[in-house]
């Protein structure tokens, strides 16, 4: 799902100025980074990832964002992120692949060929309140990041900027379609990613009448307050992890929930959103 656009001269100037200051505050990546040699990856190293965040969206969307794709040093590839409007409040379905060294080298090579981690000017399109896409690749300099605001927009950009953005768009399509990119012999069969922990983000229901009420089957709600950027205007989200014996009942109920489901716990109604924790994440603090 692409973020909602809000055009306007004053917000646009503010956004562009903030983005420019943020870009200037980042260390400049090397012009020619090199991949970390094979064998130097630890199993849990993040070798490649593509994330999308920010923009004019609700607080719970920010709290439960998932990467488009993440690739670990042992060859695990997790992908399948869907836009907020494309999924219910249940647990998002993620695919997991296990690729070997050759497949991992191919994906890293694609990232370098697309310019990830290199000092490239992508410009700032003339749109406001749109998300930023972040590409990361593990190199001999460490994990380098390329941040591109409004990736699929090109308003006011020159041909070189548009071409640079198109390379990243093509990379994102390649890394989120592992079957086509690597072929079945290298990609192998996709399996469903089965998290061992799920972050449960909750909010007190409010005054509206729910269309469905269910007794909450998991850990004590609401959990710990979930701090978000105060500019969002919402600071009443909380989070708790479901794991162990709590996980099964929570997952079983999650798929039956809708946006109109109120969860009952200790005499209170809650809205609940579910976010599977990835292998490198262990708690709500990692969201």
Protein backbone atom coordinates (compact mmCIF):
# COMPACT_ATOMS: atom_id res chain seq x y z
CA UNK A 1 0.00 0.00 0.00
CA UNK A 2 1.35 3.41 -0.91
CA UNK A 3 1.01 6.07 1.76
CA UNK A 4 -1.61 8.82 1.58
CA UNK A 5 -0.33 11.95 -0.23
CA UNK A 6 -0.99 15.41 1.11
CA UNK A 7 0.03 18.24 -1.20
CA UNK A 8 0.68 21.71 0.11
CA UNK A 9 3.45 24.26 -0.13
CA UNK A 10 4.13 24.80 3.58
CA UNK A 11 4.16 21.11 4.66
CA UNK A 12 6.19 20.27 1.59
CA UNK A 13 8.85 22.85 2.35
CA UNK A 14 9.03 21.71 5.95
CA UNK A 15 9.29 18.06 4.95
CA UNK A 16 11.91 18.72 2.30
CA UNK A 17 13.95 20.81 4.69
CA UNK A 18 13.82 18.16 7.41
CA UNK A 19 14.71 15.42 4.95
CA UNK A 20 17.64 17.44 3.66
CA UNK A 21 18.96 18.07 7.18
CA UNK A 22 18.55 14.37 8.04
CA UNK A 23 20.44 13.36 4.90
CA UNK A 24 23.23 15.82 5.66
CA UNK A 25 23.58 14.44 9.19
CA UNK A 26 24.24 10.90 7.96
CA UNK A 27 27.81 9.77 7.35
CA UNK A 28 28.62 9.51 3.66
CA UNK A 29 28.88 5.88 2.50
CA UNK A 30 32.00 4.84 0.62
CA UNK A 31 31.87 5.19 -3.14
CA UNK A 32 32.75 1.52 -3.68
CA UNK A 33 31.90 -0.67 -0.66
CA UNK A 34 32.64 -4.36 -0.95
CA UNK A 35 30.67 -7.33 0.34
CA UNK A 36 31.70 -9.02 3.55
CA UNK A 37 33.59 -12.18 2.46
CA UNK A 38 31.56 -15.38 2.58
CA UNK A 39 32.28 -17.24 5.78
CA UNK A 40 32.38 -13.98 7.78
CA UNK A 41 28.60 -13.86 8.09
CA UNK A 42 27.27 -14.92 11.45
CA UNK A 43 23.99 -16.87 11.18
CA UNK A 44 21.96 -13.99 12.62
CA UNK A 45 23.71 -11.23 10.66
CA UNK A 46 21.31 -9.11 8.64
CA UNK A 47 22.92 -9.30 5.20
CA UNK A 48 20.15 -7.57 3.22
CA UNK A 49 16.90 -5.88 4.10
CA UNK A 50 14.28 -3.54 2.66
CA UNK A 51 12.06 -1.59 5.05
CA UNK A 52 9.41 1.03 4.45
CA UNK A 53 8.25 3.43 7.12
CA UNK A 54 7.02 6.87 7.97
CA UNK A 55 4.49 8.88 6.04
CA UNK A 56 1.06 10.02 7.15
CA UNK A 57 -0.29 6.84 8.75
CA UNK A 58 -1.87 5.74 12.02
CA UNK A 59 0.27 4.95 15.05
CA UNK A 60 -0.61 1.25 15.02
CA UNK A 61 0.61 0.99 11.43
CA UNK A 62 4.01 2.37 12.42
CA UNK A 63 4.16 0.06 15.45
CA UNK A 64 3.48 -3.08 13.42
CA UNK A 65 5.47 -2.38 10.22
CA UNK A 66 7.29 -5.37 8.73
CA UNK A 67 10.18 -5.34 6.27
CA UNK A 68 9.52 -6.11 2.63
CA UNK A 69 12.34 -8.63 2.84
CA UNK A 70 15.14 -9.57 5.22
CA UNK A 71 18.04 -11.91 4.50
CA UNK A 72 20.19 -13.46 7.24
CA UNK A 73 23.74 -14.75 7.18
CA UNK A 74 22.71 -18.40 7.35
CA UNK A 75 20.61 -18.05 4.18
CA UNK A 76 17.19 -17.46 5.71
CA UNK A 77 15.06 -15.14 3.57
CA UNK A 78 11.80 -13.84 5.03
CA UNK A 79 9.41 -11.91 2.82
CA UNK A 80 5.72 -11.46 2.15
CA UNK A 81 4.97 -8.13 3.83
CA UNK A 82 1.62 -6.76 2.67
CA UNK A 83 0.22 -3.28 2.87
CA UNK A 84 -1.97 -2.37 5.82
CA UNK A 85 -5.10 -2.16 3.67
CA UNK A 86 -4.41 -5.60 2.19
CA UNK A 87 -4.55 -7.61 5.40
CA UNK A 88 -6.86 -8.09 8.33
CA UNK A 89 -5.93 -7.50 11.94
CA UNK A 90 -4.76 -11.10 12.13
CA UNK A 91 -1.18 -12.27 11.92
CA UNK A 92 0.46 -11.32 8.58
CA UNK A 93 1.51 -14.26 6.44
CA UNK A 94 5.26 -14.33 5.82
CA UNK A 95 7.17 -16.72 3.54
CA UNK A 96 10.55 -18.15 4.50
CA UNK A 97 13.21 -19.57 2.19
CA UNK A 98 16.51 -21.20 3.01
CA UNK A 99 19.08 -20.47 0.31
CA UNK A 100 22.69 -21.56 0.06
CA UNK A 101 25.91 -19.55 -0.42
CA UNK A 102 25.41 -19.19 -4.19
CA UNK A 103 21.94 -17.76 -3.77
CA UNK A 104 23.11 -15.37 -1.08
CA UNK A 105 25.95 -14.15 -3.29
CA UNK A 106 23.48 -13.53 -6.11
CA UNK A 107 21.22 -11.42 -3.92
CA UNK A 108 24.12 -9.40 -2.51
CA UNK A 109 25.43 -8.82 -6.04
CA UNK A 110 22.03 -7.51 -7.11
CA UNK A 111 22.04 -5.07 -4.19
CA UNK A 112 25.48 -3.72 -5.10
CA UNK A 113 24.58 -3.44 -8.77
CA UNK A 114 21.50 -1.39 -7.77
CA UNK A 115 23.67 1.02 -5.77
CA UNK A 116 22.70 0.11 -2.21
CA UNK A 117 25.15 1.58 0.29
CA UNK A 118 26.75 3.88 -2.26
CA UNK A 119 26.87 7.67 -2.40
CA UNK A 120 24.10 8.34 -4.93
CA UNK A 121 21.78 11.35 -5.17
CA UNK A 122 18.15 10.18 -5.35
CA UNK A 123 16.67 13.65 -5.01
CA UNK A 124 13.50 14.68 -3.18
CA UNK A 125 10.24 14.39 -5.16
CA UNK A 126 7.73 17.19 -4.79
CA UNK A 127 5.28 15.22 -2.64
CA UNK A 128 4.58 15.29 1.08
CA UNK A 129 3.65 12.73 3.77
CA UNK A 130 4.99 9.75 1.83
CA UNK A 131 7.02 6.86 3.24
CA UNK A 132 10.78 6.38 3.12
CA UNK A 133 12.22 3.09 1.85
CA UNK A 134 15.47 1.90 3.40
CA UNK A 135 17.77 -0.60 1.71
CA UNK A 136 20.55 -2.21 3.76
CA UNK A 137 23.47 -4.41 2.77
CA UNK A 138 26.27 -5.89 4.86
CA UNK A 139 29.68 -4.83 3.56
CA UNK A 140 33.30 -4.75 4.58
CA UNK A 141 32.43 -1.37 6.16
CA UNK A 142 29.56 -2.84 8.16
CA UNK A 143 25.84 -2.62 7.48
CA UNK A 144 25.29 0.30 5.08
CA UNK A 145 21.92 1.91 4.45
CA UNK A 146 20.37 3.80 1.56
CA UNK A 147 17.30 5.87 2.49
CA UNK A 148 15.02 7.00 -0.34
CA UNK A 149 12.03 9.21 0.31
CA UNK A 150 8.96 8.56 -1.88
CA UNK A 151 10.71 5.83 -3.85
CA UNK A 152 8.14 5.45 -6.62
CA UNK A 153 7.64 9.17 -7.21
CA UNK A 154 9.74 11.24 -9.60
CA UNK A 155 8.12 14.69 -9.57
CA UNK A 156 10.81 17.33 -10.09
CA UNK A 157 13.68 14.86 -10.44
CA UNK A 158 16.30 14.78 -13.19
CA UNK A 159 16.88 11.71 -15.42
CA UNK A 160 19.85 10.46 -13.37
CA UNK A 161 17.80 10.48 -10.17
CA UNK A 162 14.92 8.69 -11.88
CA UNK A 163 17.26 6.05 -13.25
CA UNK A 164 18.85 5.52 -9.82
CA UNK A 165 15.42 5.10 -8.25
CA UNK A 166 14.31 2.64 -10.92
CA UNK A 167 17.29 0.42 -10.10
CA UNK A 168 16.13 0.25 -6.49
CA UNK A 169 12.53 -0.42 -7.52
CA UNK A 170 13.75 -3.30 -9.71
CA UNK A 171 15.85 -4.58 -6.80
CA UNK A 172 12.85 -4.53 -4.48
CA UNK A 173 10.82 -6.52 -6.99
CA UNK A 174 13.66 -9.02 -7.37
CA UNK A 175 14.21 -9.54 -3.64
CA UNK A 176 10.50 -9.94 -2.91
CA UNK A 177 10.10 -12.53 -5.68
CA UNK A 178 12.83 -14.99 -4.72
CA UNK A 179 11.27 -17.80 -6.78
CA UNK A 180 11.66 -15.89 -10.04
CA UNK A 181 14.95 -14.23 -9.15
CA UNK A 182 16.87 -17.32 -8.06
CA UNK A 183 14.85 -20.07 -9.71
CA UNK A 184 13.38 -23.10 -7.93
CA UNK A 185 16.65 -25.02 -7.76
CA UNK A 186 18.33 -22.26 -5.73
CA UNK A 187 15.34 -20.78 -3.90
CA UNK A 188 13.88 -24.12 -2.90
CA UNK A 189 10.38 -24.40 -1.49
CA UNK A 190 8.90 -21.56 0.51
CA UNK A 191 7.51 -22.38 3.94
CA UNK A 192 5.35 -20.33 6.26
CA UNK A 193 7.40 -18.33 8.76
CA UNK A 194 6.43 -19.53 12.21
CA UNK A 195 7.35 -16.94 14.85
CA UNK A 196 8.24 -18.04 18.37
CA UNK A 197 7.12 -14.66 19.72
CA UNK A 198 4.41 -12.25 18.62
CA UNK A 199 4.13 -8.62 19.67
CA UNK A 200 0.59 -7.76 20.75
CA UNK A 201 -0.05 -4.03 20.29
CA UNK A 202 -3.18 -2.84 22.06
CA UNK A 203 -5.26 0.26 22.66
CA UNK A 204 -8.30 0.79 24.87
CA UNK A 205 -11.46 0.47 22.79
CA UNK A 206 -13.18 3.79 23.35
CA UNK A 207 -16.87 4.61 23.16
CA UNK A 208 -17.96 2.96 19.89
CA UNK A 209 -19.94 -0.28 19.88
CA UNK A 210 -17.92 -3.31 18.68
CA UNK A 211 -19.36 -5.71 16.14
CA UNK A 212 -17.77 -8.66 17.92
CA UNK A 213 -16.46 -9.34 21.42
CA UNK A 214 -13.98 -12.03 22.34
CA UNK A 215 -12.29 -13.00 25.57
CA UNK A 216 -8.58 -12.32 25.31
CA UNK A 217 -6.68 -15.65 25.53
CA UNK A 218 -3.12 -14.37 25.88
CA UNK A 219 -0.80 -12.53 28.26
CA UNK A 220 -2.01 -9.69 30.48
CA UNK A 221 -3.18 -6.63 28.57
CA UNK A 222 -2.30 -3.92 27.89
CA UNK A 223 1.41 -4.47 28.59
CA UNK A 224 4.02 -1.72 28.59
CA UNK A 225 3.44 1.68 26.96
CA UNK A 226 4.81 1.78 23.44
CA UNK A 227 6.60 5.10 22.92
CA UNK A 228 6.19 6.60 19.47
CA UNK A 229 7.09 9.92 17.90
CA UNK A 230 4.98 12.56 19.74
CA UNK A 231 4.28 14.28 16.39
CA UNK A 232 1.97 11.35 15.57
CA UNK A 233 -0.48 12.61 18.16
CA UNK A 234 -1.20 9.17 19.64
CA UNK A 235 0.62 7.90 22.71
CA UNK A 236 -1.85 5.40 24.11
CA UNK A 237 -0.55 2.22 22.47
CA UNK A 238 0.87 -0.56 24.60
CA UNK A 239 2.66 -3.80 23.79
CA UNK A 240 3.21 -7.22 25.30
CA UNK A 241 4.84 -10.36 23.87
CA UNK A 242 2.96 -13.62 23.42
CA UNK A 243 5.18 -16.69 23.54
CA UNK A 244 5.33 -20.17 24.97
CA UNK A 245 1.96 -21.52 26.07
CA UNK A 246 0.29 -18.18 25.29
CA UNK A 247 1.29 -18.22 21.63
CA UNK A 248 -0.97 -21.00 20.34
CA UNK A 249 -4.25 -19.60 21.70
CA UNK A 250 -3.35 -16.08 20.55
CA UNK A 251 -2.60 -17.20 16.98
CA UNK A 252 -5.79 -19.28 16.84
CA UNK A 253 -7.90 -16.29 17.84
CA UNK A 254 -5.98 -13.75 15.74
CA UNK A 255 -7.16 -15.17 12.42
CA UNK A 256 -10.80 -14.96 13.51
CA UNK A 257 -10.58 -11.29 14.48
CA UNK A 258 -11.72 -8.31 12.42
CA UNK A 259 -11.31 -4.55 12.77
CA UNK A 260 -14.59 -4.59 14.71
CA UNK A 261 -13.42 -7.13 17.30
CA UNK A 262 -13.13 -5.94 20.89
CA UNK A 263 -11.00 -8.09 23.16
CA UNK A 264 -12.16 -8.39 26.76
CA UNK A 265 -9.62 -8.48 29.55
CA UNK A 266 -10.19 -7.70 33.23
CA UNK A 267 -13.40 -5.83 32.49
CA UNK A 268 -11.85 -3.64 29.78
CA UNK A 269 -12.21 -3.68 25.99
CA UNK A 270 -9.13 -3.42 23.78
CA UNK A 271 -8.27 -3.13 20.13
CA UNK A 272 -5.42 -5.47 19.30
CA UNK A 273 -2.94 -5.72 16.42
CA UNK A 274 -0.45 -8.56 15.94
CA UNK A 275 3.14 -8.33 14.72
CA UNK A 276 5.32 -11.46 14.41
CA UNK A 277 8.79 -10.90 15.84
CA UNK A 278 11.56 -11.76 13.40
CA UNK A 279 14.61 -13.92 14.25
CA UNK A 280 16.71 -10.91 15.30
CA UNK A 281 13.93 -9.46 17.46
CA UNK A 282 13.07 -10.57 20.98
CA UNK A 283 10.61 -8.07 22.46
CA UNK A 284 8.32 -5.10 21.88
CA UNK A 285 11.36 -2.85 22.33
CA UNK A 286 12.60 -4.04 18.91
CA UNK A 287 9.57 -2.70 17.03
